[in-house]
Structures are given as structure tokens and as C-alpha cells.
């Protein structure tokens, strides 16, 4: 059973996250030929002051 973890900074709406989960599930179904109920997708959210890119905190961008 495929499992996908999506890491991102918090701040998206519940509707945006729901769409991401649905579309990620569909991509796995189409790519791997599995049933939707076999796919697990989890969003792992980080606080903006706990994640950096290029040494710059997301909270400072």
C-alpha cells in the first residue's frame, strides 16, 4: 500500500489541503494502478519559524 508524506509550512486552508490530498491520491492511483482506498497521504506541517530554505526562515520571507 503506497504512502505519501507531504511536508510544507502551515497556513493553507482546509479546502486547499483537501484538494491536495485528493489529487495526490489520484496521481498515485493512476501511476501505480492501485485502488484509492489503498493509498495513504499525510500532510506534515511545520511552523514558519521552524523551517528555512537557503538559511532564511519562512517566517522572514
C-alpha atoms as a PDB file:
ATOM      1  CA  UNK A   1       0.000   0.000   0.000  1.00  0.00           C
ATOM      2  CA  UNK A   2       1.575   3.286  -1.092  1.00  0.00           C
ATOM      3  CA  UNK A   3       2.055   6.051   1.461  1.00  0.00           C
ATOM      4  CA  UNK A   4       2.938   9.640   0.571  1.00  0.00           C
ATOM      5  CA  UNK A   5       4.151  12.300   3.013  1.00  0.00           C
ATOM      6  CA  UNK A   6       3.865  15.954   2.018  1.00  0.00           C
ATOM      7  CA  UNK A   7       5.997  18.346   4.051  1.00  0.00           C
ATOM      8  CA  UNK A   8       5.029  22.022   3.956  1.00  0.00           C
ATOM      9  CA  UNK A   9       4.789  25.170   6.028  1.00  0.00           C
ATOM     10  CA  UNK A  10       1.445  25.629   7.763  1.00  0.00           C
ATOM     11  CA  UNK A  11      -1.034  28.195   6.551  1.00  0.00           C
ATOM     12  CA  UNK A  12      -3.102  26.544   3.825  1.00  0.00           C
ATOM     13  CA  UNK A  13      -6.867  26.397   4.146  1.00  0.00           C
ATOM     14  CA  UNK A  14      -8.674  23.128   4.866  1.00  0.00           C
ATOM     15  CA  UNK A  15     -10.080  23.265   1.327  1.00  0.00           C
ATOM     16  CA  UNK A  16      -6.585  23.590  -0.187  1.00  0.00           C
ATOM     17  CA  UNK A  17      -5.308  20.675   1.873  1.00  0.00           C
ATOM     18  CA  UNK A  18      -8.310  18.527   0.950  1.00  0.00           C
ATOM     19  CA  UNK A  19      -7.710  19.201  -2.748  1.00  0.00           C
ATOM     20  CA  UNK A  20      -4.003  18.366  -2.382  1.00  0.00           C
ATOM     21  CA  UNK A  21      -4.831  15.076  -0.642  1.00  0.00           C
ATOM     22  CA  UNK A  22      -7.420  14.130  -3.281  1.00  0.00           C
ATOM     23  CA  UNK A  23      -5.198  14.971  -6.250  1.00  0.00           C
ATOM     24  CA  UNK A  24      -2.163  13.257  -4.745  1.00  0.00           C
ATOM     25  CA  UNK A  25      -4.249  10.146  -4.150  1.00  0.00           C
ATOM     26  CA  UNK A  26      -5.497  10.235  -7.736  1.00  0.00           C
ATOM     27  CA  UNK A  27      -1.940  10.614  -9.078  1.00  0.00           C
ATOM     28  CA  UNK A  28      -0.827   7.536  -7.135  1.00  0.00           C
ATOM     29  CA  UNK A  29      -3.869   5.563  -8.317  1.00  0.00           C
ATOM     30  CA  UNK A  30      -3.160   6.446 -11.960  1.00  0.00           C
ATOM     31  CA  UNK A  31       0.603   5.911 -11.703  1.00  0.00           C
ATOM     32  CA  UNK A  32       0.641   2.658  -9.752  1.00  0.00           C
ATOM     33  CA  UNK A  33      -2.666   1.073 -10.693  1.00  0.00           C
ATOM     34  CA  UNK A  34      -3.899   0.717  -7.114  1.00  0.00           C
ATOM     35  CA  UNK A  35      -7.298   1.450  -5.597  1.00  0.00           C
ATOM     36  CA  UNK A  36      -7.838   4.794  -3.815  1.00  0.00           C
ATOM     37  CA  UNK A  37      -8.519   3.038  -0.521  1.00  0.00           C
ATOM     38  CA  UNK A  38      -5.012   1.560  -0.665  1.00  0.00           C
ATOM     39  CA  UNK A  39      -3.363   4.993  -0.758  1.00  0.00           C
ATOM     40  CA  UNK A  40      -2.444   6.937   2.371  1.00  0.00           C
ATOM     41  CA  UNK A  41      -1.453  10.594   2.054  1.00  0.00           C
ATOM     42  CA  UNK A  42      -0.355  12.634   5.063  1.00  0.00           C
ATOM     43  CA  UNK A  43       0.433  16.336   5.323  1.00  0.00           C
ATOM     44  CA  UNK A  44       3.224  17.170   7.772  1.00  0.00           C
ATOM     45  CA  UNK A  45       3.060  20.858   8.607  1.00  0.00           C
ATOM     46  CA  UNK A  46       5.863  22.944  10.091  1.00  0.00           C
ATOM     47  CA  UNK A  47       5.591  26.338  11.732  1.00  0.00           C
ATOM     48  CA  UNK A  48       7.049  29.112   9.569  1.00  0.00           C
ATOM     49  CA  UNK A  49       9.614  29.929  12.254  1.00  0.00           C
ATOM     50  CA  UNK A  50      10.780  26.303  12.360  1.00  0.00           C
ATOM     51  CA  UNK A  51      11.646  25.831   8.690  1.00  0.00           C
ATOM     52  CA  UNK A  52      14.171  27.568   6.469  1.00  0.00           C
ATOM     53  CA  UNK A  53      15.244  27.498   2.847  1.00  0.00           C
ATOM     54  CA  UNK A  54      18.654  28.833   1.949  1.00  0.00           C
ATOM     55  CA  UNK A  55      19.163  29.727   5.599  1.00  0.00           C
ATOM     56  CA  UNK A  56      16.169  32.101   5.633  1.00  0.00           C
ATOM     57  CA  UNK A  57      13.224  31.255   7.841  1.00  0.00           C
ATOM     58  CA  UNK A  58       9.895  31.027   6.064  1.00  0.00           C
ATOM     59  CA  UNK A  59       8.537  33.447   8.681  1.00  0.00           C
ATOM     60  CA  UNK A  60      11.032  36.055   7.408  1.00  0.00           C
ATOM     61  CA  UNK A  61      10.181  35.724   3.722  1.00  0.00           C
END
